[in-house]
Amino acid sequence: MSAHSATPETTESAKATPVGDFLAGCDATPHTQPGSPHAFGDNAVRLHALGLVVVPCGGPDGKSPLVTKWQVRRPRAVIAAWAQKFADANIGVVCGLSGIVIVDVDKPELVAEILERFGDTPLMTRTPSGGVHLWYRKLGPVRSGNLRRQNLDVDIKADGGLVVTPSSRNPKGVYAFERGTWDDVQRLPPFRQEALAAPPSNDNNEQRHR
């Protein structure tokens, strides 16, 4: 089951807001409000039902899988057992197996440019360090990588990738929703793989970001 084929638990989806509205309330200040003390325990089974491949994560940065062979889709019974054993762990989502691609934008001021390039999405999440994750549906093989050769602080998390999600936390703060809710996993737009190539105007972009 993929992330876009499961039946959502609720029928109401959050509506996407214009990019300008998003940026107006977007700054580099990390989110510091309390995250869920039982992030994995409270959310793992539901996210599994939405088609996401979830794993408990922890460690100093909160991103390290706490189980072995984590790049495997597990049955609901295993996820339910993990939810009890690792209730206070962070929520990791295995991108490729979940049928999603995360465009990880380290600098919020780049979000408008990246949205124009890859297309809008109803689901955006914020990291404790102030970065923004843009969520897309994966239609075929997509290699994880980055756009740093184009002088953009942007990572692509897809096949082989792992992303930590709301309401996880680490010493810097919490992961939170900037736009949308988990119900929007059902209506993610397809990832534009052709957008990975540098646009013709990239020379100007490089100068701007140096």
Protein backbone atom coordinates (compact mmCIF):
# COMPACT_ATOMS: atom_id res chain seq x y z
CA MET A 1 0.00 0.00 0.00
CA SER A 2 1.40 3.41 -0.93
CA ALA A 3 0.92 6.73 0.79
CA HIS A 4 -1.62 7.88 -1.77
CA SER A 5 -3.84 4.79 -1.86
CA ALA A 6 -4.87 4.40 1.79
CA THR A 7 -8.21 5.66 3.12
CA PRO A 8 -7.82 8.65 5.46
CA GLU A 9 -9.28 8.46 8.93
CA THR A 10 -11.00 11.81 8.48
CA THR A 11 -12.51 13.31 5.38
CA GLU A 12 -11.64 16.97 5.88
CA SER A 13 -8.25 18.01 4.43
CA ALA A 14 -6.44 21.22 5.15
CA LYS A 15 -6.53 23.63 2.25
CA ALA A 16 -3.25 24.88 0.85
CA THR A 17 -2.52 28.54 1.41
CA PRO A 18 -0.79 30.78 -1.12
CA VAL A 19 3.00 30.69 -1.07
CA GLY A 20 3.13 34.35 -0.10
CA ASP A 21 0.93 33.72 2.94
CA PHE A 22 3.16 30.85 3.97
CA LEU A 23 6.32 32.92 3.70
CA ALA A 24 4.77 35.82 5.61
CA GLY A 25 4.62 33.64 8.69
CA CYS A 26 7.79 31.71 8.04
CA ASP A 27 11.00 32.65 9.79
CA ALA A 28 14.15 30.84 10.82
CA THR A 29 13.15 30.65 14.50
CA PRO A 30 13.06 27.00 15.63
CA HIS A 31 9.78 25.73 17.02
CA THR A 32 10.15 25.34 20.76
CA GLN A 33 6.63 24.43 21.87
CA PRO A 34 6.42 20.99 23.53
CA GLY A 35 6.23 18.04 21.17
CA SER A 36 4.27 14.93 22.03
CA PRO A 37 5.94 13.01 24.87
CA HIS A 38 4.70 9.84 23.15
CA ALA A 39 5.14 10.82 19.51
CA PHE A 40 5.62 7.34 18.10
CA GLY A 41 3.16 5.68 20.46
CA ASP A 42 0.40 8.17 19.65
CA ASN A 43 0.87 8.28 15.87
CA ALA A 44 2.56 5.16 14.48
CA VAL A 45 -0.50 2.98 13.89
CA ARG A 46 -2.45 5.79 12.25
CA LEU A 47 0.43 6.70 9.93
CA HIS A 48 0.83 3.06 9.00
CA ALA A 49 -2.86 3.04 8.05
CA LEU A 50 -2.21 6.03 5.79
CA GLY A 51 0.37 3.99 3.90
CA LEU A 52 3.51 5.42 5.50
CA VAL A 53 6.35 3.11 6.52
CA VAL A 54 7.21 4.24 10.04
CA VAL A 55 10.14 3.42 12.30
CA PRO A 56 10.95 4.62 15.83
CA CYS A 57 13.92 6.97 15.94
CA GLY A 58 16.12 8.41 18.68
CA GLY A 59 19.74 9.09 19.55
CA PRO A 60 21.40 12.45 20.21
CA ASP A 61 19.83 14.08 17.13
CA GLY A 62 16.60 12.10 17.27
CA LYS A 63 17.10 10.75 13.75
CA SER A 64 18.65 7.31 14.28
CA PRO A 65 16.40 4.24 13.77
CA LEU A 66 15.97 2.25 16.98
CA VAL A 67 15.28 -1.01 15.12
CA THR A 68 17.33 -3.05 12.67
CA LYS A 69 16.33 -3.69 9.05
CA TRP A 70 14.23 -0.55 9.10
CA GLN A 71 13.85 -0.27 5.30
CA VAL A 72 11.08 -2.88 5.29
CA ARG A 73 7.30 -2.46 5.30
CA ARG A 74 6.06 -4.10 8.49
CA PRO A 75 2.56 -5.43 9.21
CA ARG A 76 0.24 -3.52 11.50
CA ALA A 77 0.84 -5.92 14.41
CA VAL A 78 4.56 -5.10 14.42
CA ILE A 79 3.88 -1.35 14.30
CA ALA A 80 1.41 -1.69 17.19
CA ALA A 81 4.04 -3.56 19.23
CA TRP A 82 6.65 -0.92 18.43
CA ALA A 83 4.17 1.80 19.45
CA GLN A 84 4.08 0.29 22.93
CA LYS A 85 7.79 -0.51 23.20
CA PHE A 86 9.02 2.78 21.71
CA ALA A 87 6.14 5.05 22.72
CA ASP A 88 8.36 8.05 23.47
CA ALA A 89 10.51 7.68 20.33
CA ASN A 90 10.47 10.05 17.38
CA ILE A 91 8.55 9.17 14.23
CA GLY A 92 10.70 8.27 11.25
CA VAL A 93 9.14 7.77 7.82
CA VAL A 94 10.97 5.68 5.20
CA CYS A 95 10.47 7.86 2.15
CA GLY A 96 10.85 5.52 -0.82
CA LEU A 97 8.78 2.65 0.60
CA SER A 98 6.10 5.15 1.66
CA GLY A 99 5.73 6.41 -1.91
CA ILE A 100 6.83 9.93 -1.04
CA VAL A 101 9.63 12.37 -1.86
CA ILE A 102 10.69 15.02 0.64
CA VAL A 103 12.33 18.17 -0.65
CA ASP A 104 14.25 19.32 2.41
CA VAL A 105 14.87 23.08 2.25
CA ASP A 106 17.36 24.19 4.90
CA LYS A 107 16.74 27.92 4.46
CA PRO A 108 13.13 29.18 4.63
CA GLU A 109 13.94 32.05 2.27
CA LEU A 110 14.44 29.47 -0.50
CA VAL A 111 10.97 27.96 -0.12
CA ALA A 112 9.26 30.18 -2.72
CA GLU A 113 11.95 29.42 -5.32
CA ILE A 114 11.80 25.68 -4.66
CA LEU A 115 7.99 25.62 -4.75
CA GLU A 116 8.05 27.38 -8.11
CA ARG A 117 10.50 24.80 -9.37
CA PHE A 118 8.93 21.61 -8.00
CA GLY A 119 5.31 22.72 -7.72
CA ASP A 120 3.02 23.54 -4.83
CA THR A 121 2.09 20.98 -2.18
CA PRO A 122 -0.61 20.91 0.50
CA LEU A 123 1.76 19.42 3.07
CA MET A 124 4.79 21.23 4.53
CA THR A 125 6.47 20.45 7.83
CA ARG A 126 9.02 22.43 9.83
CA THR A 127 12.17 21.03 11.45
CA PRO A 128 13.52 22.16 14.84
CA SER A 129 16.39 23.99 13.11
CA GLY A 130 13.96 26.04 10.99
CA GLY A 131 14.15 24.06 7.75
CA VAL A 132 11.07 23.16 5.73
CA HIS A 133 10.08 19.76 4.32
CA LEU A 134 7.96 19.83 1.15
CA TRP A 135 6.02 16.62 0.59
CA TYR A 136 5.36 15.04 -2.83
CA ARG A 137 4.10 11.73 -4.19
CA LYS A 138 6.69 9.39 -5.73
CA LEU A 139 5.55 7.86 -9.03
CA GLY A 140 8.69 5.87 -9.82
CA PRO A 141 12.30 5.41 -8.72
CA VAL A 142 13.80 8.61 -7.32
CA ARG A 143 17.32 8.62 -5.93
CA SER A 144 18.03 10.51 -2.75
CA GLY A 145 20.52 13.33 -3.24
CA ASN A 146 20.84 17.09 -3.03
CA LEU A 147 21.08 20.30 -5.03
CA ARG A 148 24.26 21.59 -3.42
CA ARG A 149 26.16 21.56 -6.71
CA GLN A 150 23.63 24.19 -7.75
CA ASN A 151 24.52 26.19 -4.62
CA LEU A 152 21.18 25.39 -3.03
CA ASP A 153 20.91 24.07 0.52
CA VAL A 154 18.32 21.51 -0.50
CA ASP A 155 18.26 17.73 0.03
CA ILE A 156 16.08 15.22 -1.81
CA LYS A 157 14.93 12.36 0.39
CA ALA A 158 13.42 9.53 -1.61
CA ASP A 159 14.59 5.94 -2.21
CA GLY A 160 16.75 4.96 0.75
CA GLY A 161 15.88 8.16 2.61
CA LEU A 162 14.42 8.68 6.07
CA VAL A 163 12.68 11.78 7.42
CA VAL A 164 11.61 12.65 10.97
CA THR A 165 8.11 14.06 11.24
CA PRO A 166 5.71 15.93 13.56
CA SER A 167 5.31 15.67 16.58
CA SER A 168 8.86 14.42 17.13
CA ARG A 169 11.45 16.52 18.91
CA ASN A 170 15.15 16.90 19.58
CA PRO A 171 17.21 19.23 21.81
CA LYS A 172 16.64 22.12 19.37
CA GLY A 173 12.84 21.94 19.43
CA VAL A 174 10.00 20.09 17.75
CA TYR A 175 8.93 19.03 14.26
CA ALA A 176 5.64 20.74 13.39
CA PHE A 177 3.13 21.23 10.59
CA GLU A 178 3.54 24.46 8.64
CA ARG A 179 0.78 23.67 6.17
CA GLY A 180 -1.74 20.85 6.10
CA THR A 181 -2.21 17.76 8.26
CA TRP A 182 -1.59 14.03 7.93
CA ASP A 183 -4.82 13.77 5.93
CA ASP A 184 -3.05 15.61 3.10
CA VAL A 185 -0.80 12.60 2.53
CA GLN A 186 -3.71 11.35 0.43
CA ARG A 187 -3.54 14.23 -2.03
CA LEU A 188 0.14 14.95 -2.53
CA PRO A 189 1.05 16.14 -6.03
CA PRO A 190 3.51 14.04 -8.06
CA PHE A 191 7.18 14.83 -7.68
CA ARG A 192 8.62 16.55 -10.73
CA GLN A 193 11.79 14.56 -11.30
CA GLU A 194 12.72 16.72 -14.28
CA ALA A 195 12.97 19.68 -11.90
CA LEU A 196 16.14 18.18 -10.42
CA ALA A 197 18.10 19.49 -13.39
CA ALA A 198 19.48 22.99 -13.02
CA PRO A 199 17.22 25.56 -14.72
CA PRO A 200 18.68 27.66 -17.59
CA SER A 201 18.97 30.67 -15.30
CA ASN A 202 21.01 28.77 -12.74
CA ASP A 203 24.10 30.96 -13.31
CA ASN A 204 22.19 33.90 -11.92
CA ASN A 205 20.89 31.80 -9.04
CA GLU A 206 24.40 30.72 -8.14
CA GLN A 207 25.56 34.30 -7.91
CA ARG A 208 22.57 35.19 -5.75
CA HIS A 209 23.18 32.39 -3.23
CA ARG A 210 26.94 32.82 -2.88
